[in-house]
PDB file of all heavy atoms in Angstrom:
ATOM      1  N   LEU A   1       0.796  -1.202  -0.001  1.00  0.00           N
ATOM      2  CA  LEU A   1      -0.004   0.000   0.003  1.00  0.00           C
ATOM      3  C   LEU A   1       0.857   1.276   0.006  1.00  0.00           C
ATOM      4  O   LEU A   1       0.351   2.340  -0.407  1.00  0.00           O
ATOM      5  CB  LEU A   1      -0.913   0.007   1.219  1.00  0.00           C
ATOM      6  CG  LEU A   1      -1.885  -1.190   1.354  1.00  0.00           C
ATOM      7  CD1 LEU A   1      -2.776  -1.044   2.576  1.00  0.00           C
ATOM      8  CD2 LEU A   1      -2.733  -1.335   0.064  1.00  0.00           C
ATOM      9  N   ASP A   2       2.062   1.188   0.449  1.00  0.00           N
ATOM     10  CA  ASP A   2       2.917   2.371   0.567  1.00  0.00           C
ATOM     11  C   ASP A   2       4.089   2.270  -0.422  1.00  0.00           C
ATOM     12  O   ASP A   2       4.267   1.259  -1.099  1.00  0.00           O
ATOM     13  CB  ASP A   2       3.486   2.517   1.956  1.00  0.00           C
ATOM     14  CG  ASP A   2       2.408   2.903   2.965  1.00  0.00           C
ATOM     15  OD1 ASP A   2       1.377   3.420   2.550  1.00  0.00           O
ATOM     16  OD2 ASP A   2       2.606   2.660   4.186  1.00  0.00           O
ATOM     17  N   SER A   3       4.868   3.322  -0.477  1.00  0.00           N
ATOM     18  CA  SER A   3       6.114   3.297  -1.253  1.00  0.00           C
ATOM     19  C   SER A   3       7.060   2.251  -0.692  1.00  0.00           C
ATOM     20  O   SER A   3       6.888   1.808   0.429  1.00  0.00           O
ATOM     21  CB  SER A   3       6.771   4.660  -1.254  1.00  0.00           C
ATOM     22  OG  SER A   3       5.913   5.651  -1.820  1.00  0.00           O
ATOM     23  N   HIS A   4       8.055   1.906  -1.475  1.00  0.00           N
ATOM     24  CA  HIS A   4       8.999   0.892  -1.032  1.00  0.00           C
ATOM     25  C   HIS A   4       9.599   1.231   0.330  1.00  0.00           C
ATOM     26  O   HIS A   4       9.712   0.373   1.207  1.00  0.00           O
ATOM     27  CB  HIS A   4      10.114   0.699  -2.065  1.00  0.00           C
ATOM     28  CG  HIS A   4      11.278  -0.129  -1.589  1.00  0.00           C
ATOM     29  ND1 HIS A   4      11.168  -1.471  -1.339  1.00  0.00           N
ATOM     30  CD2 HIS A   4      12.536   0.239  -1.268  1.00  0.00           C
ATOM     31  CE1 HIS A   4      12.332  -1.927  -0.929  1.00  0.00           C
ATOM     32  NE2 HIS A   4      13.175  -0.914  -0.849  1.00  0.00           N
ATOM     33  N   SER A   5       9.995   2.479   0.493  1.00  0.00           N
ATOM     34  CA  SER A   5      10.581   2.960   1.757  1.00  0.00           C
ATOM     35  C   SER A   5      10.364   4.462   1.819  1.00  0.00           C
ATOM     36  O   SER A   5       9.777   5.062   0.902  1.00  0.00           O
ATOM     37  CB  SER A   5      12.076   2.614   1.810  1.00  0.00           C
ATOM     38  OG  SER A   5      12.794   3.427   0.848  1.00  0.00           O
ATOM     39  N   ASN A   6      10.836   5.050   2.891  1.00  0.00           N
ATOM     40  CA  ASN A   6      10.656   6.494   3.036  1.00  0.00           C
ATOM     41  C   ASN A   6      11.490   7.280   2.056  1.00  0.00           C
ATOM     42  O   ASN A   6      11.289   8.475   1.834  1.00  0.00           O
ATOM     43  CB  ASN A   6      11.014   6.937   4.458  1.00  0.00           C
ATOM     44  CG  ASN A   6      12.481   6.747   4.798  1.00  0.00           C
ATOM     45  OD1 ASN A   6      12.936   5.618   4.934  1.00  0.00           O
ATOM     46  ND2 ASN A   6      13.238   7.856   4.931  1.00  0.00           N
ATOM     47  N   SER A   7      12.471   6.616   1.383  1.00  0.00           N
ATOM     48  CA  SER A   7      13.285   7.304   0.393  1.00  0.00           C
ATOM     49  C   SER A   7      12.731   7.092  -1.020  1.00  0.00           C
ATOM     50  O   SER A   7      13.437   7.429  -2.009  1.00  0.00           O
ATOM     51  CB  SER A   7      14.739   6.833   0.475  1.00  0.00           C
ATOM     52  OG  SER A   7      14.816   5.448   0.213  1.00  0.00           O
ATOM     53  N   ASP A   8      11.551   6.512  -1.145  1.00  0.00           N
ATOM     54  CA  ASP A   8      10.996   6.170  -2.456  1.00  0.00           C
ATOM     55  C   ASP A   8       9.608   6.833  -2.542  1.00  0.00           C
ATOM     56  O   ASP A   8       8.929   7.059  -1.558  1.00  0.00           O
ATOM     57  CB  ASP A   8      10.876   4.658  -2.548  1.00  0.00           C
ATOM     58  CG  ASP A   8      10.134   4.196  -3.777  1.00  0.00           C
ATOM     59  OD1 ASP A   8      10.511   4.575  -4.878  1.00  0.00           O
ATOM     60  OD2 ASP A   8       9.127   3.458  -3.643  1.00  0.00           O
ATOM     61  N   SER A   9       9.145   7.095  -3.790  1.00  0.00           N
ATOM     62  CA  SER A   9       7.782   7.519  -4.016  1.00  0.00           C
ATOM     63  C   SER A   9       7.158   6.658  -5.101  1.00  0.00           C
ATOM     64  O   SER A   9       7.567   6.721  -6.253  1.00  0.00           O
ATOM     65  CB  SER A   9       7.748   8.993  -4.447  1.00  0.00           C
ATOM     66  OG  SER A   9       6.409   9.389  -4.811  1.00  0.00           O
ATOM     67  N   HIS A  10       6.183   5.806  -4.687  1.00  0.00           N
ATOM     68  CA  HIS A  10       5.640   4.901  -5.677  1.00  0.00           C
ATOM     69  C   HIS A  10       4.726   5.608  -6.679  1.00  0.00           C
ATOM     70  O   HIS A  10       4.324   5.000  -7.671  1.00  0.00           O
ATOM     71  CB  HIS A  10       4.903   3.743  -5.002  1.00  0.00           C
ATOM     72  CG  HIS A  10       3.708   4.141  -4.166  1.00  0.00           C
ATOM     73  ND1 HIS A  10       2.935   3.181  -3.517  1.00  0.00           N
ATOM     74  CD2 HIS A  10       3.189   5.321  -3.818  1.00  0.00           C
ATOM     75  CE1 HIS A  10       1.971   3.772  -2.829  1.00  0.00           C
ATOM     76  NE2 HIS A  10       2.097   5.067  -3.014  1.00  0.00           N
ATOM     77  N   LYS A  11       4.444   6.866  -6.462  1.00  0.00           N
ATOM     78  CA  LYS A  11       3.622   7.598  -7.444  1.00  0.00           C
ATOM     79  C   LYS A  11       4.389   7.845  -8.722  1.00  0.00           C
ATOM     80  O   LYS A  11       3.793   8.190  -9.767  1.00  0.00           O
ATOM     81  CB  LYS A  11       3.152   8.923  -6.839  1.00  0.00           C
ATOM     82  CG  LYS A  11       2.157   8.731  -5.707  1.00  0.00           C
ATOM     83  CD  LYS A  11       1.664  10.041  -5.147  1.00  0.00           C
ATOM     84  CE  LYS A  11       0.642   9.833  -4.027  1.00  0.00           C
ATOM     85  NZ  LYS A  11       0.174  11.113  -3.436  1.00  0.00           N
ATOM     86  N   LEU A  12       5.703   7.668  -8.694  1.00  0.00           N
ATOM     87  CA  LEU A  12       6.529   7.810  -9.887  1.00  0.00           C
ATOM     88  C   LEU A  12       6.332   6.654 -10.845  1.00  0.00           C
ATOM     89  O   LEU A  12       6.549   6.809 -12.061  1.00  0.00           O
ATOM     90  CB  LEU A  12       8.010   7.921  -9.503  1.00  0.00           C
ATOM     91  CG  LEU A  12       8.416   9.170  -8.720  1.00  0.00           C
ATOM     92  CD1 LEU A  12       9.909   9.048  -8.307  1.00  0.00           C
ATOM     93  CD2 LEU A  12       8.249  10.434  -9.570  1.00  0.00           C
ATOM     94  N   TYR A  13       5.929   5.508 -10.365  1.00  0.00           N
ATOM     95  CA  TYR A  13       5.888   4.347 -11.226  1.00  0.00           C
ATOM     96  C   TYR A  13       4.566   3.539 -11.085  1.00  0.00           C
ATOM     97  O   TYR A  13       4.426   2.496 -11.686  1.00  0.00           O
ATOM     98  CB  TYR A  13       7.071   3.395 -10.949  1.00  0.00           C
ATOM     99  CG  TYR A  13       7.322   3.091  -9.500  1.00  0.00           C
ATOM    100  CD1 TYR A  13       6.635   2.065  -8.855  1.00  0.00           C
ATOM    101  CD2 TYR A  13       8.267   3.819  -8.760  1.00  0.00           C
ATOM    102  CE1 TYR A  13       6.864   1.778  -7.493  1.00  0.00           C
ATOM    103  CE2 TYR A  13       8.521   3.536  -7.441  1.00  0.00           C
ATOM    104  CZ  TYR A  13       7.803   2.509  -6.795  1.00  0.00           C
ATOM    105  OH  TYR A  13       8.017   2.253  -5.475  1.00  0.00           O
ATOM    106  N   ARG A  14       3.634   4.056 -10.303  1.00  0.00           N
ATOM    107  CA  ARG A  14       2.309   3.387 -10.203  1.00  0.00           C
ATOM    108  C   ARG A  14       1.260   4.423 -10.588  1.00  0.00           C
ATOM    109  O   ARG A  14       1.257   5.567 -10.120  1.00  0.00           O
ATOM    110  CB  ARG A  14       2.055   2.891  -8.799  1.00  0.00           C
ATOM    111  CG  ARG A  14       3.065   1.868  -8.323  1.00  0.00           C
ATOM    112  CD  ARG A  14       2.913   1.494  -6.875  1.00  0.00           C
ATOM    113  NE  ARG A  14       2.033   0.335  -6.709  1.00  0.00           N
ATOM    114  CZ  ARG A  14       1.814  -0.273  -5.514  1.00  0.00           C
ATOM    115  NH1 ARG A  14       2.356   0.221  -4.409  1.00  0.00           N
ATOM    116  NH2 ARG A  14       1.057  -1.313  -5.428  1.00  0.00           N
ATOM    117  N   THR A  15       0.323   4.028 -11.423  1.00  0.00           N
ATOM    118  CA  THR A  15      -0.710   4.930 -11.885  1.00  0.00           C
ATOM    119  C   THR A  15      -1.740   5.145 -10.748  1.00  0.00           C
ATOM    120  O   THR A  15      -1.865   4.299  -9.842  1.00  0.00           O
ATOM    121  CB  THR A  15      -1.420   4.399 -13.102  1.00  0.00           C
ATOM    122  OG1 THR A  15      -2.142   3.195 -12.760  1.00  0.00           O
ATOM    123  CG2 THR A  15      -0.411   4.074 -14.222  1.00  0.00           C
ATOM    124  N   GLN A  16      -2.500   6.203 -10.867  1.00  0.00           N
ATOM    125  CA  GLN A  16      -3.550   6.462  -9.903  1.00  0.00           C
ATOM    126  C   GLN A  16      -4.611   5.361  -9.934  1.00  0.00           C
ATOM    127  O   GLN A  16      -5.128   4.998  -8.908  1.00  0.00           O
ATOM    128  CB  GLN A  16      -4.200   7.849 -10.182  1.00  0.00           C
ATOM    129  CG  GLN A  16      -5.193   8.304  -9.106  1.00  0.00           C
ATOM    130  CD  GLN A  16      -4.547   8.445  -7.753  1.00  0.00           C
ATOM    131  OE1 GLN A  16      -3.383   8.855  -7.649  1.00  0.00           O
ATOM    132  NE2 GLN A  16      -5.311   8.120  -6.706  1.00  0.00           N
ATOM    133  N   ASP A  17      -4.899   4.858 -11.127  1.00  0.00           N
ATOM    134  CA  ASP A  17      -5.865   3.763 -11.237  1.00  0.00           C
ATOM    135  C   ASP A  17      -5.389   2.551 -10.466  1.00  0.00           C
ATOM    136  O   ASP A  17      -6.203   1.885  -9.797  1.00  0.00           O
ATOM    137  CB  ASP A  17      -6.091   3.409 -12.694  1.00  0.00           C
ATOM    138  CG  ASP A  17      -6.916   4.457 -13.443  1.00  0.00           C
ATOM    139  OD1 ASP A  17      -7.522   5.300 -12.739  1.00  0.00           O
ATOM    140  OD2 ASP A  17      -6.901   4.466 -14.704  1.00  0.00           O
ATOM    141  N   GLU A  18      -4.108   2.263 -10.624  1.00  0.00           N
ATOM    142  CA  GLU A  18      -3.563   1.075  -9.906  1.00  0.00           C
ATOM    143  C   GLU A  18      -3.643   1.304  -8.382  1.00  0.00           C
ATOM    144  O   GLU A  18      -4.039   0.390  -7.636  1.00  0.00           O
ATOM    145  CB  GLU A  18      -2.093   0.851 -10.283  1.00  0.00           C
ATOM    146  CG  GLU A  18      -1.428  -0.311  -9.543  1.00  0.00           C
ATOM    147  CD  GLU A  18       0.042  -0.403  -9.828  1.00  0.00           C
ATOM    148  OE1 GLU A  18       0.563   0.311 -10.707  1.00  0.00           O
ATOM    149  OE2 GLU A  18       0.722  -1.233  -9.163  1.00  0.00           O
ATOM    150  N   LEU A  19      -3.282   2.475  -7.922  1.00  0.00           N
ATOM    151  CA  LEU A  19      -3.311   2.769  -6.474  1.00  0.00           C
ATOM    152  C   LEU A  19      -4.726   2.637  -5.935  1.00  0.00           C
ATOM    153  O   LEU A  19      -4.913   2.187  -4.776  1.00  0.00           O
ATOM    154  CB  LEU A  19      -2.733   4.158  -6.217  1.00  0.00           C
ATOM    155  CG  LEU A  19      -1.234   4.339  -6.482  1.00  0.00           C
ATOM    156  CD1 LEU A  19      -0.826   5.790  -6.311  1.00  0.00           C
ATOM    157  CD2 LEU A  19      -0.433   3.441  -5.551  1.00  0.00           C
ATOM    158  N   GLU A  20      -5.711   3.029  -6.711  1.00  0.00           N
ATOM    159  CA  GLU A  20      -7.062   2.988  -6.261  1.00  0.00           C
ATOM    160  C   GLU A  20      -7.658   1.587  -6.202  1.00  0.00           C
ATOM    161  O   GLU A  20      -8.650   1.340  -5.540  1.00  0.00           O
ATOM    162  CB  GLU A  20      -7.957   3.880  -7.154  1.00  0.00           C
ATOM    163  CG  GLU A  20      -7.680   5.373  -6.948  1.00  0.00           C
ATOM    164  CD  GLU A  20      -8.450   6.219  -7.949  1.00  0.00           C
ATOM    165  OE1 GLU A  20      -9.174   5.640  -8.823  1.00  0.00           O
ATOM    166  OE2 GLU A  20      -8.356   7.488  -7.884  1.00  0.00           O
ATOM    167  N   THR A  21      -7.009   0.654  -6.885  1.00  0.00           N
ATOM    168  CA  THR A  21      -7.515  -0.722  -6.884  1.00  0.00           C
ATOM    169  C   THR A  21      -6.855  -1.595  -5.835  1.00  0.00           C
ATOM    170  O   THR A  21      -7.213  -2.790  -5.669  1.00  0.00           O
ATOM    171  CB  THR A  21      -7.300  -1.392  -8.260  1.00  0.00           C
ATOM    172  OG1 THR A  21      -5.938  -1.411  -8.579  1.00  0.00           O
ATOM    173  CG2 THR A  21      -8.059  -0.627  -9.360  1.00  0.00           C
ATOM    174  N   LEU A  22      -5.852  -1.056  -5.110  1.00  0.00           N
ATOM    175  CA  LEU A  22      -5.170  -1.833  -4.098  1.00  0.00           C
ATOM    176  C   LEU A  22      -6.118  -2.217  -2.942  1.00  0.00           C
ATOM    177  O   LEU A  22      -6.950  -1.383  -2.559  1.00  0.00           O
ATOM    178  CB  LEU A  22      -3.981  -1.069  -3.532  1.00  0.00           C
ATOM    179  CG  LEU A  22      -2.876  -0.678  -4.538  1.00  0.00           C
ATOM    180  CD1 LEU A  22      -1.785   0.114  -3.820  1.00  0.00           C
ATOM    181  CD2 LEU A  22      -2.286  -1.904  -5.201  1.00  0.00           C
ATOM    182  N   GLN A  23      -5.977  -3.427  -2.481  1.00  0.00           N
ATOM    183  CA  GLN A  23      -6.820  -3.899  -1.400  1.00  0.00           C
ATOM    184  C   GLN A  23      -6.122  -3.838  -0.041  1.00  0.00           C
ATOM    185  O   GLN A  23      -4.979  -4.304   0.082  1.00  0.00           O
ATOM    186  CB  GLN A  23      -7.306  -5.330  -1.649  1.00  0.00           C
ATOM    187  CG  GLN A  23      -8.184  -5.483  -2.886  1.00  0.00           C
ATOM    188  CD  GLN A  23      -8.755  -6.899  -2.997  1.00  0.00           C
ATOM    189  OE1 GLN A  23      -9.131  -7.504  -1.987  1.00  0.00           O
ATOM    190  NE2 GLN A  23      -8.842  -7.380  -4.216  1.00  0.00           N
ATOM    191  N   ASP A  24      -6.793  -3.312   0.961  1.00  0.00           N
ATOM    192  CA  ASP A  24      -6.265  -3.213   2.281  1.00  0.00           C
ATOM    193  C   ASP A  24      -6.731  -4.414   3.125  1.00  0.00           C
ATOM    194  O   ASP A  24      -7.949  -4.611   3.316  1.00  0.00           O
ATOM    195  CB  ASP A  24      -6.761  -1.909   2.958  1.00  0.00           C
ATOM    196  CG  ASP A  24      -6.127  -1.643   4.300  1.00  0.00           C
ATOM    197  OD1 ASP A  24      -5.734  -2.621   4.989  1.00  0.00           O
ATOM    198  OD2 ASP A  24      -6.054  -0.478   4.697  1.00  0.00           O
ATOM    199  N   PRO A  25      -5.854  -5.256   3.582  1.00  0.00           N
ATOM    200  CA  PRO A  25      -6.229  -6.447   4.314  1.00  0.00           C
ATOM    201  C   PRO A  25      -6.993  -6.126   5.608  1.00  0.00           C
ATOM    202  O   PRO A  25      -7.848  -6.920   6.036  1.00  0.00           O
ATOM    203  CB  PRO A  25      -4.922  -7.195   4.582  1.00  0.00           C
ATOM    204  CG  PRO A  25      -3.881  -6.127   4.513  1.00  0.00           C
ATOM    205  CD  PRO A  25      -4.349  -5.152   3.509  1.00  0.00           C
ATOM    206  N   ILE A  26      -6.653  -5.003   6.236  1.00  0.00           N
ATOM    207  CA  ILE A  26      -7.310  -4.664   7.471  1.00  0.00           C
ATOM    208  C   ILE A  26      -8.800  -4.289   7.168  1.00  0.00           C
ATOM    209  O   ILE A  26      -9.715  -4.730   7.868  1.00  0.00           O
ATOM    210  CB  ILE A  26      -6.600  -3.510   8.181  1.00  0.00           C
ATOM    211  CG1 ILE A  26      -5.222  -3.960   8.629  1.00  0.00           C
ATOM    212  CG2 ILE A  26      -7.408  -2.995   9.381  1.00  0.00           C
ATOM    213  CD1 ILE A  26      -4.386  -2.906   9.338  1.00  0.00           C
ATOM    214  N   GLU A  27      -9.018  -3.499   6.144  1.00  0.00           N
ATOM    215  CA  GLU A  27     -10.373  -3.157   5.770  1.00  0.00           C
ATOM    216  C   GLU A  27     -11.189  -4.404   5.410  1.00  0.00           C
ATOM    217  O   GLU A  27     -12.332  -4.556   5.804  1.00  0.00           O
ATOM    218  CB  GLU A  27     -10.361  -2.144   4.592  1.00  0.00           C
ATOM    219  CG  GLU A  27      -9.832  -0.773   4.939  1.00  0.00           C
ATOM    220  CD  GLU A  27      -9.873   0.166   3.732  1.00  0.00           C
ATOM    221  OE1 GLU A  27     -10.297  -0.285   2.626  1.00  0.00           O
ATOM    222  OE2 GLU A  27      -9.431   1.325   3.883  1.00  0.00           O
ATOM    223  N   ASN A  28     -10.549  -5.274   4.640  1.00  0.00           N
ATOM    224  CA  ASN A  28     -11.229  -6.515   4.267  1.00  0.00           C
ATOM    225  C   ASN A  28     -11.576  -7.357   5.487  1.00  0.00           C
ATOM    226  O   ASN A  28     -12.661  -7.961   5.576  1.00  0.00           O
ATOM    227  CB  ASN A  28     -10.399  -7.324   3.289  1.00  0.00           C
ATOM    228  CG  ASN A  28     -10.292  -6.703   1.921  1.00  0.00           C
ATOM    229  OD1 ASN A  28     -11.080  -5.799   1.578  1.00  0.00           O
ATOM    230  ND2 ASN A  28      -9.360  -7.161   1.100  1.00  0.00           N
ATOM    231  N   TYR A  29     -10.658  -7.458   6.393  1.00  0.00           N
ATOM    232  CA  TYR A  29     -10.856  -8.306   7.587  1.00  0.00           C
ATOM    233  C   TYR A  29     -11.890  -7.700   8.518  1.00  0.00           C
ATOM    234  O   TYR A  29     -12.731  -8.392   9.079  1.00  0.00           O
ATOM    235  CB  TYR A  29      -9.516  -8.511   8.318  1.00  0.00           C
ATOM    236  CG  TYR A  29      -9.605  -9.546   9.418  1.00  0.00           C
ATOM    237  CD1 TYR A  29      -9.993 -10.863   9.120  1.00  0.00           C
ATOM    238  CD2 TYR A  29      -9.299  -9.254  10.740  1.00  0.00           C
ATOM    239  CE1 TYR A  29     -10.045 -11.831  10.101  1.00  0.00           C
ATOM    240  CE2 TYR A  29      -9.344 -10.189  11.721  1.00  0.00           C
ATOM    241  CZ  TYR A  29      -9.723 -11.480  11.402  1.00  0.00           C
ATOM    242  OH  TYR A  29      -9.820 -12.446  12.400  1.00  0.00           O
ATOM    243  N   VAL A  30     -11.878  -6.391   8.663  1.00  0.00           N
ATOM    244  CA  VAL A  30     -12.872  -5.710   9.481  1.00  0.00           C
ATOM    245  C   VAL A  30     -14.244  -5.959   8.891  1.00  0.00           C
ATOM    246  O   VAL A  30     -15.238  -6.226   9.601  1.00  0.00           O
ATOM    247  CB  VAL A  30     -12.576  -4.220   9.611  1.00  0.00           C
ATOM    248  CG1 VAL A  30     -13.780  -3.468  10.173  1.00  0.00           C
ATOM    249  CG2 VAL A  30     -11.347  -3.990  10.501  1.00  0.00           C
ATOM    250  N   ALA A  31     -14.377  -5.844   7.569  1.00  0.00           N
ATOM    251  CA  ALA A  31     -15.654  -6.105   6.922  1.00  0.00           C
ATOM    252  C   ALA A  31     -16.129  -7.530   7.208  1.00  0.00           C
ATOM    253  O   ALA A  31     -17.318  -7.789   7.425  1.00  0.00           O
ATOM    254  CB  ALA A  31     -15.554  -5.857   5.415  1.00  0.00           C
ATOM    255  N   TYR A  32     -15.203  -8.460   7.168  1.00  0.00           N
ATOM    256  CA  TYR A  32     -15.523  -9.881   7.424  1.00  0.00           C
ATOM    257  C   TYR A  32     -16.020 -10.040   8.894  1.00  0.00           C
ATOM    258  O   TYR A  32     -17.027 -10.737   9.144  1.00  0.00           O
ATOM    259  CB  TYR A  32     -14.265 -10.707   7.176  1.00  0.00           C
ATOM    260  CG  TYR A  32     -14.281 -12.098   7.800  1.00  0.00           C
ATOM    261  CD1 TYR A  32     -15.004 -13.124   7.222  1.00  0.00           C
ATOM    262  CD2 TYR A  32     -13.574 -12.374   8.983  1.00  0.00           C
ATOM    263  CE1 TYR A  32     -15.007 -14.390   7.749  1.00  0.00           C
ATOM    264  CE2 TYR A  32     -13.565 -13.640   9.515  1.00  0.00           C
ATOM    265  CZ  TYR A  32     -14.282 -14.649   8.929  1.00  0.00           C
ATOM    266  OH  TYR A  32     -14.298 -15.926   9.477  1.00  0.00           O
ATOM    267  N   LEU A  33     -15.314  -9.387   9.851  1.00  0.00           N
ATOM    268  CA  LEU A  33     -15.732  -9.499  11.247  1.00  0.00           C
ATOM    269  C   LEU A  33     -17.074  -8.834  11.496  1.00  0.00           C
ATOM    270  O   LEU A  33     -17.925  -9.339  12.246  1.00  0.00           O
ATOM    271  CB  LEU A  33     -14.655  -8.899  12.157  1.00  0.00           C
ATOM    272  CG  LEU A  33     -13.307  -9.590  12.222  1.00  0.00           C
ATOM    273  CD1 LEU A  33     -12.334  -8.824  13.103  1.00  0.00           C
ATOM    274  CD2 LEU A  33     -13.457 -11.009  12.714  1.00  0.00           C
TER     275      LEU A  33
END
């Protein structure tokens, strides 16, 4: 969900569409609970 490290910015190589489709396991698990 984040950049590789604090010295990196994944917005340089990941599109906004890709970032918006990422799944958060905590959100998914909370929904399940």
